[in-house]
């Protein structure tokens, strides 16, 4: 099952969702601003993305600039910060089985899932 971790208020996230719809695939939409990640579920996503939590931070967000920029945190601390502040998480994230991709631009979905255009 394909999942898209989506924020409907985000243009990039809406683009990813529309891109999936154009492919005619079945997928589940997870509005992660409402259905928050747990520590374990976020760790699973990071493992599927094969990146560190810091690589998933939206560094232009005001909360990041005011509270976190320039500070050093462990991966565990970043995970907690991201879960507590989900607006800091880059989006959309598209997941299938044991893989995931940050779908910006949405065409990255093709590479991950070997979809045809």
PDB file of N, CA and C in Angstrom:
ATOM      1  N   UNK A   1       0.840  -1.189   0.000  1.00  0.00           N
ATOM      2  CA  UNK A   1       0.000   0.000   0.000  1.00  0.00           C
ATOM      3  C   UNK A   1       0.881   1.247   0.000  1.00  0.00           C
ATOM      4  N   UNK A   2       0.575   2.153  -0.868  1.00  0.00           N
ATOM      5  CA  UNK A   2       1.265   3.434  -0.933  1.00  0.00           C
ATOM      6  C   UNK A   2       0.600   4.386   0.064  1.00  0.00           C
ATOM      7  N   UNK A   3       1.431   5.127   0.780  1.00  0.00           N
ATOM      8  CA  UNK A   3       0.940   6.161   1.693  1.00  0.00           C
ATOM      9  C   UNK A   3       1.602   7.472   1.326  1.00  0.00           C
ATOM     10  N   UNK A   4       0.831   8.538   1.428  1.00  0.00           N
ATOM     11  CA  UNK A   4       1.405   9.869   1.293  1.00  0.00           C
ATOM     12  C   UNK A   4       1.143  10.614   2.592  1.00  0.00           C
ATOM     13  N   UNK A   5       2.227  11.069   3.202  1.00  0.00           N
ATOM     14  CA  UNK A   5       2.129  11.872   4.414  1.00  0.00           C
ATOM     15  C   UNK A   5       1.975  13.311   3.937  1.00  0.00           C
ATOM     16  N   UNK A   6       0.807  13.859   4.167  1.00  0.00           N
ATOM     17  CA  UNK A   6       0.337  15.035   3.458  1.00  0.00           C
ATOM     18  C   UNK A   6      -0.105  16.133   4.419  1.00  0.00           C
ATOM     19  N   UNK A   7       0.178  17.367   4.019  1.00  0.00           N
ATOM     20  CA  UNK A   7      -0.335  18.548   4.713  1.00  0.00           C
ATOM     21  C   UNK A   7      -1.121  19.340   3.677  1.00  0.00           C
ATOM     22  N   UNK A   8      -2.458  19.351   3.765  1.00  0.00           N
ATOM     23  CA  UNK A   8      -3.262  20.007   2.740  1.00  0.00           C
ATOM     24  C   UNK A   8      -3.014  21.512   2.613  1.00  0.00           C
ATOM     25  N   UNK A   9      -2.390  22.121   3.596  1.00  0.00           N
ATOM     26  CA  UNK A   9      -2.109  23.556   3.536  1.00  0.00           C
ATOM     27  C   UNK A   9      -0.827  23.862   2.761  1.00  0.00           C
ATOM     28  N   UNK A  10      -0.094  22.820   2.362  1.00  0.00           N
ATOM     29  CA  UNK A  10       1.199  23.001   1.704  1.00  0.00           C
ATOM     30  C   UNK A  10       1.070  22.769   0.201  1.00  0.00           C
ATOM     31  N   UNK A  11       1.523  23.730  -0.585  1.00  0.00           N
ATOM     32  CA  UNK A  11       1.475  23.631  -2.044  1.00  0.00           C
ATOM     33  C   UNK A  11       2.254  22.420  -2.559  1.00  0.00           C
ATOM     34  N   UNK A  12       3.452  22.190  -2.029  1.00  0.00           N
ATOM     35  CA  UNK A  12       4.270  21.062  -2.474  1.00  0.00           C
ATOM     36  C   UNK A  12       3.599  19.733  -2.151  1.00  0.00           C
ATOM     37  N   UNK A  13       2.973  19.673  -0.999  1.00  0.00           N
ATOM     38  CA  UNK A  13       2.276  18.460  -0.600  1.00  0.00           C
ATOM     39  C   UNK A  13       1.067  18.212  -1.504  1.00  0.00           C
ATOM     40  N   UNK A  14       0.328  19.262  -1.816  1.00  0.00           N
ATOM     41  CA  UNK A  14      -0.816  19.123  -2.728  1.00  0.00           C
ATOM     42  C   UNK A  14      -0.351  18.676  -4.115  1.00  0.00           C
ATOM     43  N   UNK A  15       0.800  19.170  -4.555  1.00  0.00           N
ATOM     44  CA  UNK A  15       1.348  18.753  -5.848  1.00  0.00           C
ATOM     45  C   UNK A  15       1.676  17.264  -5.858  1.00  0.00           C
ATOM     46  N   UNK A  16       2.265  16.795  -4.776  1.00  0.00           N
ATOM     47  CA  UNK A  16       2.576  15.366  -4.663  1.00  0.00           C
ATOM     48  C   UNK A  16       1.322  14.514  -4.685  1.00  0.00           C
ATOM     49  N   UNK A  17       0.299  14.960  -3.990  1.00  0.00           N
ATOM     50  CA  UNK A  17      -0.974  14.243  -3.951  1.00  0.00           C
ATOM     51  C   UNK A  17      -1.599  14.194  -5.348  1.00  0.00           C
ATOM     52  N   UNK A  18      -1.616  15.305  -6.041  1.00  0.00           N
ATOM     53  CA  UNK A  18      -2.171  15.355  -7.396  1.00  0.00           C
ATOM     54  C   UNK A  18      -1.381  14.464  -8.340  1.00  0.00           C
ATOM     55  N   UNK A  19      -0.066  14.446  -8.175  1.00  0.00           N
ATOM     56  CA  UNK A  19       0.775  13.606  -9.021  1.00  0.00           C
ATOM     57  C   UNK A  19       0.422  12.133  -8.841  1.00  0.00           C
ATOM     58  N   UNK A  20       0.248  11.716  -7.593  1.00  0.00           N
ATOM     59  CA  UNK A  20      -0.162  10.331  -7.341  1.00  0.00           C
ATOM     60  C   UNK A  20      -1.514  10.037  -7.986  1.00  0.00           C
ATOM     61  N   UNK A  21      -2.445  10.973  -7.889  1.00  0.00           N
ATOM     62  CA  UNK A  21      -3.775  10.779  -8.489  1.00  0.00           C
ATOM     63  C   UNK A  21      -3.681  10.596  -9.996  1.00  0.00           C
ATOM     64  N   UNK A  22      -2.781  11.335 -10.650  1.00  0.00           N
ATOM     65  CA  UNK A  22      -2.654  11.215 -12.104  1.00  0.00           C
ATOM     66  C   UNK A  22      -2.115   9.846 -12.514  1.00  0.00           C
ATOM     67  N   UNK A  23      -1.453   9.159 -11.609  1.00  0.00           N
ATOM     68  CA  UNK A  23      -0.899   7.833 -11.900  1.00  0.00           C
ATOM     69  C   UNK A  23      -1.950   6.734 -11.792  1.00  0.00           C
ATOM     70  N   UNK A  24      -3.115   7.068 -11.238  1.00  0.00           N
ATOM     71  CA  UNK A  24      -4.179   6.072 -11.118  1.00  0.00           C
ATOM     72  C   UNK A  24      -3.891   4.996 -10.085  1.00  0.00           C
ATOM     73  N   UNK A  25      -3.069   5.309  -9.121  1.00  0.00           N
ATOM     74  CA  UNK A  25      -2.697   4.331  -8.092  1.00  0.00           C
ATOM     75  C   UNK A  25      -3.615   4.440  -6.890  1.00  0.00           C
ATOM     76  N   UNK A  26      -3.758   3.331  -6.197  1.00  0.00           N
ATOM     77  CA  UNK A  26      -4.459   3.360  -4.920  1.00  0.00           C
ATOM     78  C   UNK A  26      -3.452   3.765  -3.851  1.00  0.00           C
ATOM     79  N   UNK A  27      -3.879   4.663  -2.991  1.00  0.00           N
ATOM     80  CA  UNK A  27      -2.988   5.102  -1.927  1.00  0.00           C
ATOM     81  C   UNK A  27      -3.811   5.618  -0.763  1.00  0.00           C
ATOM     82  N   UNK A  28      -3.155   5.689   0.362  1.00  0.00           N
ATOM     83  CA  UNK A  28      -3.778   6.208   1.586  1.00  0.00           C
ATOM     84  C   UNK A  28      -3.150   7.556   1.897  1.00  0.00           C
ATOM     85  N   UNK A  29      -3.996   8.528   2.232  1.00  0.00           N
ATOM     86  CA  UNK A  29      -3.530   9.851   2.632  1.00  0.00           C
ATOM     87  C   UNK A  29      -3.462   9.891   4.157  1.00  0.00           C
ATOM     88  N   UNK A  30      -2.302  10.243   4.675  1.00  0.00           N
ATOM     89  CA  UNK A  30      -2.121  10.410   6.114  1.00  0.00           C
ATOM     90  C   UNK A  30      -1.839  11.890   6.354  1.00  0.00           C
ATOM     91  N   UNK A  31      -2.786  12.566   6.966  1.00  0.00           N
ATOM     92  CA  UNK A  31      -2.586  13.975   7.301  1.00  0.00           C
ATOM     93  C   UNK A  31      -1.814  14.030   8.616  1.00  0.00           C
ATOM     94  N   UNK A  32      -0.498  14.064   8.491  1.00  0.00           N
ATOM     95  CA  UNK A  32       0.364  13.916   9.666  1.00  0.00           C
ATOM     96  C   UNK A  32       0.286  15.098  10.630  1.00  0.00           C
ATOM     97  N   UNK A  33      -0.334  16.189  10.214  1.00  0.00           N
ATOM     98  CA  UNK A  33      -0.532  17.294  11.161  1.00  0.00           C
ATOM     99  C   UNK A  33      -1.663  16.946  12.132  1.00  0.00           C
ATOM    100  N   UNK A  34      -2.554  16.045  11.716  1.00  0.00           N
ATOM    101  CA  UNK A  34      -3.652  15.579  12.572  1.00  0.00           C
ATOM    102  C   UNK A  34      -3.317  14.236  13.207  1.00  0.00           C
ATOM    103  N   UNK A  35      -2.790  13.322  12.392  1.00  0.00           N
ATOM    104  CA  UNK A  35      -2.413  11.973  12.847  1.00  0.00           C
ATOM    105  C   UNK A  35      -0.904  11.981  13.071  1.00  0.00           C
ATOM    106  N   UNK A  36      -0.492  12.424  14.225  1.00  0.00           N
ATOM    107  CA  UNK A  36       0.930  12.635  14.487  1.00  0.00           C
ATOM    108  C   UNK A  36       1.740  11.343  14.432  1.00  0.00           C
ATOM    109  N   UNK A  37       2.980  11.509  14.012  1.00  0.00           N
ATOM    110  CA  UNK A  37       3.933  10.410  14.053  1.00  0.00           C
ATOM    111  C   UNK A  37       4.227  10.053  15.509  1.00  0.00           C
ATOM    112  N   UNK A  38       4.546   8.795  15.741  1.00  0.00           N
ATOM    113  CA  UNK A  38       5.136   8.376  17.006  1.00  0.00           C
ATOM    114  C   UNK A  38       6.648   8.339  16.786  1.00  0.00           C
ATOM    115  N   UNK A  39       7.397   8.193  17.855  1.00  0.00           N
ATOM    116  CA  UNK A  39       8.848   8.072  17.714  1.00  0.00           C
ATOM    117  C   UNK A  39       9.172   6.895  16.800  1.00  0.00           C
ATOM    118  N   UNK A  40       8.541   5.766  17.046  1.00  0.00           N
ATOM    119  CA  UNK A  40       8.823   4.569  16.244  1.00  0.00           C
ATOM    120  C   UNK A  40       8.416   4.732  14.788  1.00  0.00           C
ATOM    121  N   UNK A  41       7.229   5.288  14.546  1.00  0.00           N
ATOM    122  CA  UNK A  41       6.785   5.432  13.155  1.00  0.00           C
ATOM    123  C   UNK A  41       7.671   6.429  12.403  1.00  0.00           C
ATOM    124  N   UNK A  42       8.138   7.470  13.081  1.00  0.00           N
ATOM    125  CA  UNK A  42       9.012   8.426  12.410  1.00  0.00           C
ATOM    126  C   UNK A  42      10.390   7.810  12.150  1.00  0.00           C
ATOM    127  N   UNK A  43      10.875   7.016  13.082  1.00  0.00           N
ATOM    128  CA  UNK A  43      12.148   6.321  12.855  1.00  0.00           C
ATOM    129  C   UNK A  43      12.043   5.382  11.657  1.00  0.00           C
ATOM    130  N   UNK A  44      10.899   4.714  11.524  1.00  0.00           N
ATOM    131  CA  UNK A  44      10.686   3.822  10.372  1.00  0.00           C
ATOM    132  C   UNK A  44      10.720   4.605   9.069  1.00  0.00           C
ATOM    133  N   UNK A  45      10.073   5.749   9.047  1.00  0.00           N
ATOM    134  CA  UNK A  45      10.074   6.592   7.845  1.00  0.00           C
ATOM    135  C   UNK A  45      11.501   7.038   7.522  1.00  0.00           C
ATOM    136  N   UNK A  46      12.234   7.492   8.522  1.00  0.00           N
ATOM    137  CA  UNK A  46      13.613   7.923   8.294  1.00  0.00           C
ATOM    138  C   UNK A  46      14.465   6.790   7.738  1.00  0.00           C
ATOM    139  N   UNK A  47      14.267   5.585   8.261  1.00  0.00           N
ATOM    140  CA  UNK A  47      15.020   4.427   7.762  1.00  0.00           C
ATOM    141  C   UNK A  47      14.661   4.155   6.298  1.00  0.00           C
ATOM    142  N   UNK A  48      13.383   4.265   5.968  1.00  0.00           N
ATOM    143  CA  UNK A  48      12.949   4.042   4.582  1.00  0.00           C
ATOM    144  C   UNK A  48      13.458   5.142   3.657  1.00  0.00           C
ATOM    145  N   UNK A  49      13.586   6.342   4.180  1.00  0.00           N
ATOM    146  CA  UNK A  49      14.149   7.453   3.409  1.00  0.00           C
ATOM    147  C   UNK A  49      15.677   7.366   3.332  1.00  0.00           C
ATOM    148  N   UNK A  50      16.264   6.652   4.290  1.00  0.00           N
ATOM    149  CA  UNK A  50      17.709   6.499   4.417  1.00  0.00           C
ATOM    150  C   UNK A  50      18.402   7.853   4.645  1.00  0.00           C
ATOM    151  N   UNK A  51      17.819   8.638   5.570  1.00  0.00           N
ATOM    152  CA  UNK A  51      18.388   9.940   5.902  1.00  0.00           C
ATOM    153  C   UNK A  51      18.309  10.165   7.411  1.00  0.00           C
ATOM    154  N   UNK A  52      19.000  11.204   7.858  1.00  0.00           N
ATOM    155  CA  UNK A  52      18.957  11.566   9.270  1.00  0.00           C
ATOM    156  C   UNK A  52      17.768  12.487   9.519  1.00  0.00           C
ATOM    157  N   UNK A  53      17.321  12.603  10.767  1.00  0.00           N
ATOM    158  CA  UNK A  53      16.194  13.489  11.055  1.00  0.00           C
ATOM    159  C   UNK A  53      16.484  14.943  10.666  1.00  0.00           C
ATOM    160  N   UNK A  54      17.708  15.374  10.834  1.00  0.00           N
ATOM    161  CA  UNK A  54      18.043  16.773  10.516  1.00  0.00           C
ATOM    162  C   UNK A  54      17.825  17.076   9.032  1.00  0.00           C
ATOM    163  N   UNK A  55      17.969  16.074   8.179  1.00  0.00           N
ATOM    164  CA  UNK A  55      17.768  16.271   6.744  1.00  0.00           C
ATOM    165  C   UNK A  55      16.296  16.481   6.379  1.00  0.00           C
ATOM    166  N   UNK A  56      15.390  16.219   7.310  1.00  0.00           N
ATOM    167  CA  UNK A  56      13.953  16.385   7.046  1.00  0.00           C
ATOM    168  C   UNK A  56      13.396  17.686   7.614  1.00  0.00           C
ATOM    169  N   UNK A  57      14.268  18.579   8.053  1.00  0.00           N
ATOM    170  CA  UNK A  57      13.821  19.826   8.671  1.00  0.00           C
ATOM    171  C   UNK A  57      13.592  20.904   7.614  1.00  0.00           C
ATOM    172  N   UNK A  58      12.462  21.561   7.725  1.00  0.00           N
ATOM    173  CA  UNK A  58      12.153  22.733   6.898  1.00  0.00           C
ATOM    174  C   UNK A  58      12.782  23.938   7.594  1.00  0.00           C
ATOM    175  N   UNK A  59      13.959  24.301   7.149  1.00  0.00           N
ATOM    176  CA  UNK A  59      14.763  25.311   7.835  1.00  0.00           C
ATOM    177  C   UNK A  59      14.266  26.739   7.654  1.00  0.00           C
ATOM    178  N   UNK A  60      13.288  26.958   6.794  1.00  0.00           N
ATOM    179  CA  UNK A  60      12.753  28.308   6.613  1.00  0.00           C
ATOM    180  C   UNK A  60      11.617  28.621   7.584  1.00  0.00           C
ATOM    181  N   UNK A  61      11.157  27.622   8.326  1.00  0.00           N
ATOM    182  CA  UNK A  61      10.060  27.831   9.283  1.00  0.00           C
ATOM    183  C   UNK A  61      10.512  28.724  10.435  1.00  0.00           C
ATOM    184  N   UNK A  62       9.626  29.619  10.863  1.00  0.00           N
ATOM    185  CA  UNK A  62       9.945  30.562  11.937  1.00  0.00           C
ATOM    186  C   UNK A  62      10.338  29.863  13.235  1.00  0.00           C
ATOM    187  N   UNK A  63       9.647  28.791  13.566  1.00  0.00           N
ATOM    188  CA  UNK A  63       9.968  28.085  14.816  1.00  0.00           C
ATOM    189  C   UNK A  63      11.391  27.532  14.768  1.00  0.00           C
ATOM    190  N   UNK A  64      11.818  27.050  13.605  1.00  0.00           N
ATOM    191  CA  UNK A  64      13.193  26.565  13.463  1.00  0.00           C
ATOM    192  C   UNK A  64      14.165  27.731  13.641  1.00  0.00           C
ATOM    193  N   UNK A  65      13.897  28.820  12.938  1.00  0.00           N
ATOM    194  CA  UNK A  65      14.800  29.970  12.984  1.00  0.00           C
ATOM    195  C   UNK A  65      14.921  30.544  14.387  1.00  0.00           C
ATOM    196  N   UNK A  66      13.834  30.564  15.127  1.00  0.00           N
ATOM    197  CA  UNK A  66      13.830  31.172  16.468  1.00  0.00           C
ATOM    198  C   UNK A  66      14.341  30.238  17.560  1.00  0.00           C
ATOM    199  N   UNK A  67      14.021  28.933  17.442  1.00  0.00           N
ATOM    200  CA  UNK A  67      14.312  28.034  18.558  1.00  0.00           C
ATOM    201  C   UNK A  67      15.420  27.013  18.315  1.00  0.00           C
ATOM    202  N   UNK A  68      15.674  26.657  17.052  1.00  0.00           N
ATOM    203  CA  UNK A  68      16.547  25.511  16.824  1.00  0.00           C
ATOM    204  C   UNK A  68      17.771  25.772  15.953  1.00  0.00           C
ATOM    205  N   UNK A  69      17.746  26.805  15.130  1.00  0.00           N
ATOM    206  CA  UNK A  69      18.847  27.074  14.214  1.00  0.00           C
ATOM    207  C   UNK A  69      20.149  27.266  14.986  1.00  0.00           C
ATOM    208  N   UNK A  70      21.193  26.593  14.508  1.00  0.00           N
ATOM    209  CA  UNK A  70      22.507  26.742  15.106  1.00  0.00           C
ATOM    210  C   UNK A  70      22.736  25.929  16.364  1.00  0.00           C
ATOM    211  N   UNK A  71      21.724  25.223  16.801  1.00  0.00           N
ATOM    212  CA  UNK A  71      21.873  24.402  18.009  1.00  0.00           C
ATOM    213  C   UNK A  71      22.152  22.963  17.612  1.00  0.00           C
ATOM    214  N   UNK A  72      22.906  22.290  18.444  1.00  0.00           N
ATOM    215  CA  UNK A  72      23.244  20.893  18.177  1.00  0.00           C
ATOM    216  C   UNK A  72      22.362  19.972  19.004  1.00  0.00           C
ATOM    217  N   UNK A  73      21.745  19.021  18.331  1.00  0.00           N
ATOM    218  CA  UNK A  73      20.906  18.035  18.985  1.00  0.00           C
ATOM    219  C   UNK A  73      21.293  16.657  18.462  1.00  0.00           C
ATOM    220  N   UNK A  74      21.057  15.647  19.261  1.00  0.00           N
ATOM    221  CA  UNK A  74      21.254  14.272  18.807  1.00  0.00           C
ATOM    222  C   UNK A  74      20.112  13.913  17.854  1.00  0.00           C
ATOM    223  N   UNK A  75      20.272  12.812  17.146  1.00  0.00           N
ATOM    224  CA  UNK A  75      19.190  12.338  16.276  1.00  0.00           C
ATOM    225  C   UNK A  75      17.916  12.093  17.079  1.00  0.00           C
ATOM    226  N   UNK A  76      18.052  11.513  18.252  1.00  0.00           N
ATOM    227  CA  UNK A  76      16.878  11.249  19.098  1.00  0.00           C
ATOM    228  C   UNK A  76      16.183  12.560  19.482  1.00  0.00           C
ATOM    229  N   UNK A  77      16.963  13.571  19.806  1.00  0.00           N
ATOM    230  CA  UNK A  77      16.378  14.864  20.157  1.00  0.00           C
ATOM    231  C   UNK A  77      15.693  15.506  18.954  1.00  0.00           C
ATOM    232  N   UNK A  78      16.332  15.412  17.764  1.00  0.00           N
ATOM    233  CA  UNK A  78      15.696  15.959  16.558  1.00  0.00           C
ATOM    234  C   UNK A  78      14.386  15.247  16.264  1.00  0.00           C
ATOM    235  N   UNK A  79      14.353  13.940  16.438  1.00  0.00           N
ATOM    236  CA  UNK A  79      13.117  13.189  16.208  1.00  0.00           C
ATOM    237  C   UNK A  79      12.012  13.712  17.119  1.00  0.00           C
ATOM    238  N   UNK A  80      12.332  13.894  18.379  1.00  0.00           N
ATOM    239  CA  UNK A  80      11.337  14.410  19.324  1.00  0.00           C
ATOM    240  C   UNK A  80      10.876  15.814  18.917  1.00  0.00           C
ATOM    241  N   UNK A  81      11.810  16.663  18.515  1.00  0.00           N
ATOM    242  CA  UNK A  81      11.475  18.024  18.086  1.00  0.00           C
ATOM    243  C   UNK A  81      10.554  17.988  16.869  1.00  0.00           C
ATOM    244  N   UNK A  82      10.872  17.151  15.911  1.00  0.00           N
ATOM    245  CA  UNK A  82      10.053  17.062  14.696  1.00  0.00           C
ATOM    246  C   UNK A  82       8.657  16.531  14.986  1.00  0.00           C
ATOM    247  N   UNK A  83       8.563  15.558  15.853  1.00  0.00           N
ATOM    248  CA  UNK A  83       7.252  15.009  16.208  1.00  0.00           C
ATOM    249  C   UNK A  83       6.414  16.057  16.942  1.00  0.00           C
ATOM    250  N   UNK A  84       7.053  16.818  17.803  1.00  0.00           N
ATOM    251  CA  UNK A  84       6.340  17.850  18.556  1.00  0.00           C
ATOM    252  C   UNK A  84       6.011  19.076  17.703  1.00  0.00           C
ATOM    253  N   UNK A  85       6.727  19.238  16.597  1.00  0.00           N
ATOM    254  CA  UNK A  85       6.541  20.381  15.696  1.00  0.00           C
ATOM    255  C   UNK A  85       6.430  19.859  14.258  1.00  0.00           C
ATOM    256  N   UNK A  86       5.343  19.167  13.928  1.00  0.00           N
ATOM    257  CA  UNK A  86       5.255  18.504  12.626  1.00  0.00           C
ATOM    258  C   UNK A  86       5.326  19.455  11.432  1.00  0.00           C
ATOM    259  N   UNK A  87       5.076  20.738  11.634  1.00  0.00           N
ATOM    260  CA  UNK A  87       5.217  21.690  10.535  1.00  0.00           C
ATOM    261  C   UNK A  87       6.672  21.839  10.081  1.00  0.00           C
ATOM    262  N   UNK A  88       7.612  21.330  10.885  1.00  0.00           N
ATOM    263  CA  UNK A  88       9.028  21.362  10.514  1.00  0.00           C
ATOM    264  C   UNK A  88       9.419  20.230   9.573  1.00  0.00           C
ATOM    265  N   UNK A  89       8.550  19.256   9.372  1.00  0.00           N
ATOM    266  CA  UNK A  89       8.873  18.081   8.559  1.00  0.00           C
ATOM    267  C   UNK A  89       8.651  18.392   7.081  1.00  0.00           C
ATOM    268  N   UNK A  90       9.680  18.107   6.278  1.00  0.00           N
ATOM    269  CA  UNK A  90       9.552  18.285   4.833  1.00  0.00           C
ATOM    270  C   UNK A  90       8.430  17.387   4.312  1.00  0.00           C
ATOM    271  N   UNK A  91       7.765  17.870   3.275  1.00  0.00           N
ATOM    272  CA  UNK A  91       6.625  17.151   2.740  1.00  0.00           C
ATOM    273  C   UNK A  91       6.521  17.363   1.244  1.00  0.00           C
ATOM    274  N   UNK A  92       5.797  16.458   0.620  1.00  0.00           N
ATOM    275  CA  UNK A  92       5.172  15.250   1.144  1.00  0.00           C
ATOM    276  C   UNK A  92       6.180  14.105   1.202  1.00  0.00           C
ATOM    277  N   UNK A  93       5.886  13.162   2.039  1.00  0.00           N
ATOM    278  CA  UNK A  93       6.648  11.920   2.096  1.00  0.00           C
ATOM    279  C   UNK A  93       5.741  10.844   1.507  1.00  0.00           C
ATOM    280  N   UNK A  94       6.268  10.089   0.564  1.00  0.00           N
ATOM    281  CA  UNK A  94       5.503   9.004  -0.043  1.00  0.00           C
ATOM    282  C   UNK A  94       6.215   7.706   0.305  1.00  0.00           C
ATOM    283  N   UNK A  95       5.437   6.741   0.767  1.00  0.00           N
ATOM    284  CA  UNK A  95       5.984   5.479   1.288  1.00  0.00           C
ATOM    285  C   UNK A  95       5.308   4.296   0.613  1.00  0.00           C
ATOM    286  N   UNK A  96       6.101   3.280   0.330  1.00  0.00           N
ATOM    287  CA  UNK A  96       5.561   2.007  -0.152  1.00  0.00           C
ATOM    288  C   UNK A  96       6.481   0.900   0.328  1.00  0.00           C
ATOM    289  N   UNK A  97       5.901  -0.037   1.039  1.00  0.00           N
ATOM    290  CA  UNK A  97       6.653  -1.186   1.547  1.00  0.00           C
ATOM    291  C   UNK A  97       7.873  -0.736   2.352  1.00  0.00           C
ATOM    292  N   UNK A  98       9.056  -1.021   1.827  1.00  0.00           N
ATOM    293  CA  UNK A  98      10.278  -0.756   2.583  1.00  0.00           C
ATOM    294  C   UNK A  98      11.028   0.476   2.089  1.00  0.00           C
ATOM    295  N   UNK A  99      10.358   1.303   1.286  1.00  0.00           N
ATOM    296  CA  UNK A  99      10.997   2.489   0.728  1.00  0.00           C
ATOM    297  C   UNK A  99      10.123   3.706   0.956  1.00  0.00           C
ATOM    298  N   UNK A 100      10.774   4.868   0.943  1.00  0.00           N
ATOM    299  CA  UNK A 100      10.044   6.139   1.025  1.00  0.00           C
ATOM    300  C   UNK A 100      10.868   7.201   0.305  1.00  0.00           C
ATOM    301  N   UNK A 101      10.180   8.272  -0.081  1.00  0.00           N
ATOM    302  CA  UNK A 101      10.841   9.379  -0.749  1.00  0.00           C
ATOM    303  C   UNK A 101      10.200  10.686  -0.297  1.00  0.00           C
ATOM    304  N   UNK A 102      11.042  11.704  -0.178  1.00  0.00           N
ATOM    305  CA  UNK A 102      10.526  13.056  -0.009  1.00  0.00           C
ATOM    306  C   UNK A 102      10.217  13.514  -1.426  1.00  0.00           C
ATOM    307  N   UNK A 103       8.953  13.664  -1.740  1.00  0.00           N
ATOM    308  CA  UNK A 103       8.500  13.865  -3.119  1.00  0.00           C
ATOM    309  C   UNK A 103       8.456  15.336  -3.515  1.00  0.00           C
ATOM    310  N   UNK A 104       9.586  15.989  -3.443  1.00  0.00           N
ATOM    311  CA  UNK A 104       9.707  17.357  -3.925  1.00  0.00           C
ATOM    312  C   UNK A 104      10.937  17.422  -4.817  1.00  0.00           C
ATOM    313  N   UNK A 105      10.726  17.482  -6.117  1.00  0.00           N
ATOM    314  CA  UNK A 105       9.470  17.589  -6.850  1.00  0.00           C
ATOM    315  C   UNK A 105       8.732  16.255  -6.905  1.00  0.00           C
ATOM    316  N   UNK A 106       7.455  16.301  -7.253  1.00  0.00           N
ATOM    317  CA  UNK A 106       6.640  15.077  -7.237  1.00  0.00           C
ATOM    318  C   UNK A 106       7.161  13.966  -8.141  1.00  0.00           C
ATOM    319  N   UNK A 107       7.909  14.324  -9.166  1.00  0.00           N
ATOM    320  CA  UNK A 107       8.448  13.315 -10.086  1.00  0.00           C
ATOM    321  C   UNK A 107       9.391  12.328  -9.403  1.00  0.00           C
ATOM    322  N   UNK A 108       9.882  12.680  -8.225  1.00  0.00           N
ATOM    323  CA  UNK A 108      10.728  11.736  -7.476  1.00  0.00           C
ATOM    324  C   UNK A 108       9.976  10.451  -7.171  1.00  0.00           C
ATOM    325  N   UNK A 109       8.663  10.527  -7.143  1.00  0.00           N
ATOM    326  CA  UNK A 109       7.850   9.331  -6.901  1.00  0.00           C
ATOM    327  C   UNK A 109       8.143   8.287  -7.967  1.00  0.00           C
ATOM    328  N   UNK A 110       8.330   8.713  -9.222  1.00  0.00           N
ATOM    329  CA  UNK A 110       8.621   7.784 -10.313  1.00  0.00           C
ATOM    330  C   UNK A 110       9.887   6.981 -10.056  1.00  0.00           C
ATOM    331  N   UNK A 111      10.930   7.660  -9.599  1.00  0.00           N
ATOM    332  CA  UNK A 111      12.199   6.986  -9.345  1.00  0.00           C
ATOM    333  C   UNK A 111      12.072   5.952  -8.245  1.00  0.00           C
ATOM    334  N   UNK A 112      11.371   6.297  -7.187  1.00  0.00           N
ATOM    335  CA  UNK A 112      11.263   5.399  -6.044  1.00  0.00           C
ATOM    336  C   UNK A 112      10.416   4.174  -6.364  1.00  0.00           C
ATOM    337  N   UNK A 113       9.296   4.397  -7.003  1.00  0.00           N
ATOM    338  CA  UNK A 113       8.359   3.313  -7.238  1.00  0.00           C
ATOM    339  C   UNK A 113       8.428   2.746  -8.641  1.00  0.00           C
ATOM    340  N   UNK A 114       9.381   3.237  -9.439  1.00  0.00           N
ATOM    341  CA  UNK A 114       9.550   2.768 -10.810  1.00  0.00           C
ATOM    342  C   UNK A 114       8.238   2.855 -11.588  1.00  0.00           C
ATOM    343  N   UNK A 115       7.566   3.991 -11.405  1.00  0.00           N
ATOM    344  CA  UNK A 115       6.307   4.223 -12.111  1.00  0.00           C
ATOM    345  C   UNK A 115       6.598   4.760 -13.507  1.00  0.00           C
ATOM    346  N   UNK A 116       5.707   4.495 -14.403  1.00  0.00           N
ATOM    347  CA  UNK A 116       5.845   5.028 -15.767  1.00  0.00           C
ATOM    348  C   UNK A 116       5.111   6.347 -15.860  1.00  0.00           C
ATOM    349  N   UNK A 117       5.690   7.239 -16.636  1.00  0.00           N
ATOM    350  CA  UNK A 117       5.082   8.565 -16.800  1.00  0.00           C
ATOM    351  C   UNK A 117       3.889   8.531 -17.714  1.00  0.00           C
TER     352      UNK A 117
END
